[in-house]
Protein backbone atom coordinates (compact mmCIF):
# COMPACT_ATOMS: atom_id res chain seq x y z
CA MET A 1 0.00 0.00 0.00
CA ARG A 2 2.84 2.39 0.81
CA PHE A 3 4.44 1.68 -2.58
CA LYS A 4 1.11 2.37 -4.28
CA THR A 5 0.70 5.70 -2.44
CA GLN A 6 4.23 6.77 -3.39
CA SER A 7 3.60 5.86 -7.03
CA ILE A 8 0.38 7.88 -7.03
CA LEU A 9 2.17 10.89 -5.54
CA ILE A 10 4.90 10.68 -8.19
CA LEU A 11 2.27 10.54 -10.96
CA ILE A 12 0.37 13.55 -9.61
CA LEU A 13 3.55 15.55 -9.06
CA VAL A 14 4.59 14.84 -12.66
CA MET A 15 1.23 16.27 -13.73
CA VAL A 16 1.86 19.38 -11.61
CA HIS A 17 5.34 19.77 -13.12
CA LEU A 18 4.01 19.51 -16.68
CA LEU A 19 1.32 22.11 -15.97
CA SER A 20 3.90 24.37 -14.35
CA SER A 21 6.37 24.09 -17.22
CA CYS A 22 3.65 25.04 -19.70
CA LYS A 23 2.32 28.04 -17.80
CA LYS A 24 5.36 29.49 -15.99
CA THR A 25 6.08 33.10 -16.84
CA ASP A 26 9.70 33.08 -18.07
CA GLU A 27 10.43 36.61 -16.89
CA LEU A 28 9.44 35.64 -13.36
CA THR A 29 12.52 33.41 -13.07
CA ASP A 30 14.43 36.61 -12.22
CA PHE A 31 12.15 37.07 -9.22
CA THR A 32 13.84 34.81 -6.66
CA GLU A 33 12.47 32.98 -3.64
CA MET A 34 14.15 35.60 -1.47
CA ASP A 35 12.26 38.27 -3.44
CA GLU A 36 9.01 36.37 -2.86
CA ILE A 37 9.70 36.17 0.86
CA ALA A 38 10.51 39.89 1.03
CA LEU A 39 7.40 40.78 -0.99
CA GLY A 40 5.21 38.68 1.28
CA GLU A 41 6.64 40.34 4.38
CA ARG A 42 6.07 43.83 2.96
CA LEU A 43 2.49 42.97 2.01
CA ALA A 44 1.80 41.40 5.42
CA GLU A 45 3.07 44.54 7.13
CA ALA A 46 0.94 46.78 4.90
CA PHE A 47 -2.12 44.61 5.48
CA ALA A 48 -1.68 44.67 9.26
CA ALA A 49 -1.44 48.48 9.15
CA ASP A 50 -4.59 48.91 7.03
CA THR A 51 -7.51 49.99 9.23
CA GLU A 52 -10.04 48.45 6.82
CA PHE A 53 -9.06 45.00 8.07
CA SER A 54 -8.94 43.55 11.58
CA ILE A 55 -6.63 40.61 12.24
CA ILE A 56 -7.70 38.57 15.27
CA PRO A 57 -4.74 38.78 17.68
CA THR A 58 -2.93 35.58 18.60
CA THR A 59 -2.75 36.75 22.23
CA GLY A 60 -5.77 35.40 24.06
CA ASN A 61 -6.81 33.25 21.10
CA SER A 62 -4.53 30.25 21.43
CA ILE A 63 -7.35 27.76 20.82
CA PRO A 64 -8.51 28.94 17.37
CA TYR A 65 -4.97 29.69 16.25
CA GLY A 66 -3.76 26.35 17.59
CA TYR A 67 -6.39 24.54 15.56
CA ALA A 68 -5.80 26.56 12.37
CA ASN A 69 -2.02 26.20 12.65
CA SER A 70 -2.28 22.44 13.18
CA ARG A 71 -4.29 22.08 9.96
CA LEU A 72 -1.84 24.29 8.06
CA ALA A 73 1.20 22.49 9.50
CA GLU A 74 -0.10 19.09 8.42
CA ILE A 75 -0.51 20.33 4.84
CA THR A 76 2.82 22.17 4.60
CA ALA A 77 4.71 19.17 5.99
CA THR A 78 3.83 17.02 2.96
CA SER A 79 6.43 16.02 0.40
CA ALA A 80 4.33 17.48 -2.42
CA ILE A 81 5.33 21.06 -1.54
CA SER A 82 8.51 22.39 -3.12
CA LYS A 83 8.96 25.31 -0.69
CA SER A 84 7.95 23.74 2.61
CA GLU A 85 11.20 24.75 4.31
CA GLU A 86 12.04 27.88 2.32
CA PHE A 87 8.88 29.73 3.32
CA THR A 88 7.62 30.54 6.82
CA TRP A 89 4.01 29.37 6.66
CA THR A 90 1.74 31.57 8.77
CA ILE A 91 -2.04 31.78 9.07
CA TYR A 92 -3.94 34.92 10.07
CA LEU A 93 -7.59 34.88 11.14
CA ILE A 94 -9.52 38.00 10.15
CA ASP A 95 -12.54 39.40 11.98
CA ASP A 96 -14.73 39.93 8.92
CA ASP A 97 -18.22 38.63 8.12
CA ASN A 98 -17.39 38.51 4.39
CA ARG A 99 -16.39 35.09 3.06
CA GLN A 100 -12.80 35.94 2.25
CA ALA A 101 -9.57 33.99 1.94
CA PHE A 102 -6.34 34.95 0.20
CA ALA A 103 -2.58 34.54 0.37
CA PHE A 104 0.63 36.53 -0.02
CA PRO A 105 3.94 35.18 -1.34
CA GLY A 106 6.29 33.58 1.17
CA GLY A 107 3.65 31.64 3.10
CA HIS A 108 1.13 34.19 4.44
CA ILE A 109 -2.46 32.88 4.49
CA TYR A 110 -5.55 34.85 5.54
CA VAL A 111 -9.01 33.44 6.30
CA SER A 112 -11.96 35.50 7.51
CA SER A 113 -14.38 34.52 10.25
CA GLY A 114 -17.14 34.78 7.63
CA MET A 115 -15.44 32.09 5.54
CA ILE A 116 -14.83 29.94 8.61
CA PHE A 117 -18.51 30.04 9.59
CA PHE A 118 -19.54 29.42 5.97
CA LEU A 119 -17.73 26.08 5.87
CA ASP A 120 -19.20 22.97 7.51
CA ASN A 121 -16.32 20.78 8.57
CA GLU A 122 -12.59 20.30 8.99
CA ASP A 123 -12.16 18.75 5.55
CA GLN A 124 -13.65 21.74 3.73
CA PHE A 125 -11.36 24.02 5.75
CA SER A 126 -8.33 21.87 4.93
CA GLY A 127 -9.33 21.87 1.27
CA LEU A 128 -9.35 25.67 1.28
CA LEU A 129 -5.94 25.83 2.99
CA ALA A 130 -4.41 23.28 0.62
CA HIS A 131 -5.62 25.30 -2.37
CA LEU A 132 -4.10 28.52 -0.99
CA VAL A 133 -0.84 26.76 -0.10
CA ALA A 134 -0.64 25.43 -3.68
CA HIS A 135 -1.01 28.95 -5.10
CA ILE A 136 1.82 30.16 -2.86
CA ASP A 137 4.06 27.17 -3.53
CA GLN A 138 3.74 27.56 -7.30
CA SER A 139 4.33 31.36 -7.19
CA HIS A 140 0.90 32.12 -8.64
CA ILE A 141 0.42 35.25 -6.52
CA ALA A 142 3.77 36.69 -7.59
CA GLU A 143 2.94 35.80 -11.20
CA ALA A 144 -0.44 37.58 -11.00
CA LEU A 145 1.26 40.71 -9.62
CA PHE A 146 4.01 40.47 -12.24
CA PHE A 147 1.55 41.19 -15.04
CA LYS A 148 0.71 44.53 -13.42
CA TYR A 149 4.08 45.65 -12.04
CA GLY A 150 6.70 43.77 -14.06
CA VAL A 151 9.65 41.98 -12.51
CA ASN A 152 11.61 45.16 -11.75
CA GLY A 153 8.56 46.77 -10.18
CA LEU A 154 7.98 43.71 -8.00
CA LYS A 155 11.63 43.62 -6.96
CA SER A 156 11.39 47.29 -6.00
CA ILE A 157 8.24 46.72 -3.95
CA ALA A 158 9.73 43.64 -2.30
CA ASN A 159 13.09 45.09 -1.37
CA PHE A 160 12.29 48.76 -0.83
CA GLY A 161 8.63 48.59 0.20
CA ASN A 162 7.24 51.37 -1.99
CA ASP A 163 4.31 52.60 0.13
CA SER A 164 2.05 53.68 -2.73
CA ASP A 165 2.38 50.37 -4.57
CA LEU A 166 1.88 48.38 -1.37
CA LYS A 167 -1.29 50.35 -0.62
CA SER A 168 -2.48 49.81 -4.18
CA ILE A 169 -2.09 46.04 -3.87
CA ILE A 170 -3.89 45.97 -0.52
CA SER A 171 -6.70 48.16 -1.88
CA ASP A 172 -7.24 45.60 -4.64
CA LEU A 173 -8.32 43.20 -1.90
CA GLU A 174 -10.99 45.66 -0.82
CA LEU A 175 -12.25 46.89 -4.19
CA SER A 176 -12.06 44.06 -6.70
CA ALA A 177 -11.52 40.36 -7.25
CA ASP A 178 -8.63 40.95 -9.67
CA PHE A 179 -5.93 40.22 -7.09
CA LEU A 180 -7.63 36.93 -6.22
CA SER A 181 -7.96 35.73 -9.82
CA PHE A 182 -5.57 33.29 -11.45
CA THR A 183 -5.32 31.77 -14.91
CA ARG A 184 -7.23 28.59 -15.66
CA GLY A 185 -3.92 26.73 -15.92
CA ASN A 186 -2.86 27.98 -12.49
CA GLU A 187 -6.17 26.93 -10.97
CA ILE A 188 -5.88 23.42 -12.44
CA GLN A 189 -2.31 23.23 -11.17
CA ALA A 190 -3.41 24.34 -7.69
CA ASP A 191 -6.25 21.79 -7.65
CA THR A 192 -3.91 18.96 -8.64
CA LEU A 193 -1.19 19.92 -6.17
CA ALA A 194 -3.74 20.35 -3.36
CA ILE A 195 -4.94 16.77 -3.90
CA SER A 196 -1.36 15.47 -3.76
CA MET A 197 -0.90 17.29 -0.42
CA LEU A 198 -4.17 16.04 1.05
CA ILE A 199 -3.32 12.43 0.16
CA GLU A 200 -0.54 12.64 2.76
CA THR A 201 -2.74 14.11 5.51
CA THR A 202 -5.39 12.68 7.82
CA GLN A 203 -8.03 14.63 5.90
CA SER A 204 -10.07 13.26 3.03
CA CYS A 205 -8.13 13.59 -0.23
CA GLU A 206 -11.42 14.93 -1.61
CA SER A 207 -11.27 17.93 0.73
CA GLY A 208 -10.49 20.34 -2.11
CA GLY A 209 -13.54 19.13 -4.02
CA LEU A 210 -15.65 19.34 -0.85
CA PHE A 211 -14.67 22.99 -0.42
CA PHE A 212 -15.50 23.93 -4.00
CA SER A 213 -18.74 21.93 -3.92
CA LYS A 214 -19.79 24.07 -0.98
CA THR A 215 -19.42 27.20 -3.14
CA LEU A 216 -21.08 25.76 -6.27
CA ASN A 217 -24.64 26.99 -5.82
CA ILE A 218 -24.08 30.38 -4.19
CA GLN A 219 -26.08 33.08 -5.93
CA SER A 220 -24.02 35.85 -7.53
CA ASN A 221 -25.36 38.53 -5.18
CA GLN A 222 -24.15 36.50 -2.19
CA GLN A 223 -20.66 35.76 -3.48
CA SER A 224 -17.57 37.22 -1.84
CA GLN A 225 -14.60 38.40 -3.89
CA PHE A 226 -12.77 35.12 -3.24
CA ILE A 227 -15.70 32.96 -4.28
CA ALA A 228 -16.44 35.16 -7.31
CA ALA A 229 -12.79 34.84 -8.40
CA HIS A 230 -12.92 31.06 -7.97
CA GLN A 231 -16.09 30.31 -9.87
CA LEU A 232 -16.53 26.56 -9.91
CA GLU A 233 -17.54 25.14 -13.22
CA GLN A 234 -18.96 21.62 -13.24
CA SER A 235 -16.05 20.58 -15.47
CA ARG A 236 -13.59 21.69 -12.79
CA LEU A 237 -15.32 19.60 -10.13
CA GLU A 238 -15.37 16.65 -12.53
CA TYR A 239 -11.61 17.08 -13.09
CA ILE A 240 -10.97 17.05 -9.33
CA GLU A 241 -13.10 13.92 -8.96
CA GLU A 242 -11.25 12.23 -11.84
CA VAL A 243 -7.84 12.87 -10.24
CA ILE A 244 -9.11 11.59 -6.89
CA SER A 245 -10.63 8.50 -8.48
CA ALA A 246 -7.43 7.72 -10.41
CA SER A 247 -5.34 8.05 -7.27
CA GLY A 248 -7.37 5.49 -5.33
CA CYS A 249 -6.83 7.59 -2.18
CA ASN A 250 -9.04 7.66 0.89
CA ALA A 251 -11.90 10.06 0.17
CA GLU A 252 -13.86 9.22 3.32
CA VAL A 253 -14.62 12.10 5.67
CA ASP A 254 -13.87 11.46 9.34
CA SER A 255 -17.10 11.18 11.34
CA GLU A 256 -15.70 13.68 13.88
CA SER A 257 -14.71 16.23 11.23
CA ALA A 258 -17.79 18.41 11.74
CA SER A 259 -17.68 18.36 15.54
CA ARG A 260 -13.99 19.28 15.70
CA TYR A 261 -14.62 22.12 13.29
CA GLN A 262 -17.61 23.33 15.28
CA SER A 263 -15.40 23.58 18.37
CA PHE A 264 -12.94 25.66 16.33
CA ARG A 265 -15.71 28.01 15.19
CA ASN A 266 -17.02 28.34 18.73
CA SER A 267 -13.56 29.33 19.98
CA LEU A 268 -13.40 32.43 17.76
CA PRO A 269 -13.82 35.72 19.65
């Protein structure tokens, strides 16, 4: 069984590599991992300073942060991630009724209380985290910003922290879904990589599909920026299910998944 699991992981990772090699922006190769880390730190600092957002403090909230960090740590410890040790993976919980979730380069992940209460169980939450981790690991956020600022502009923002550009990027989170949108190829790559991560965790390997299924029938006037930017087509869900089926992985949801998640939600301030 262990040999079979390893073979499945190799097959899925080959698929991720092929997708990456086809879609990678060549100019972005000059934007190094150190640049990504610096950019993520600058953006995290700018976000924390923006009064439009309220990050739930870690002090006095050890229970919800302990739970969220344990789910993130299980995902980022998997062999499927290429930057598990290079990046410092950190989760921030936001006090916001809107259903929001997004990530910055270098390992910064943000999830709102509205999104947390929207989801039903631990597996859906893990599916969301795995998807965001995949976007970070494959440099999709940096690539999306590259098309607006260019590699030299991004290097300048990352290493010198240009205040106006930082504020512009943060304001995109407030005003539009553009920052949260990725190419179709990047989304497929993130879906595939997320499944390969989840195979190595205690969560259902179908967690990514469970998360997107939850968002499938939301009416347009009730969609958040994140959900609007990640519109789930039936074909996308079918693709996720095909990869899961081919892998032969455990898609069963733990019977205690919902109750553990409910305790997490109840622990939020």
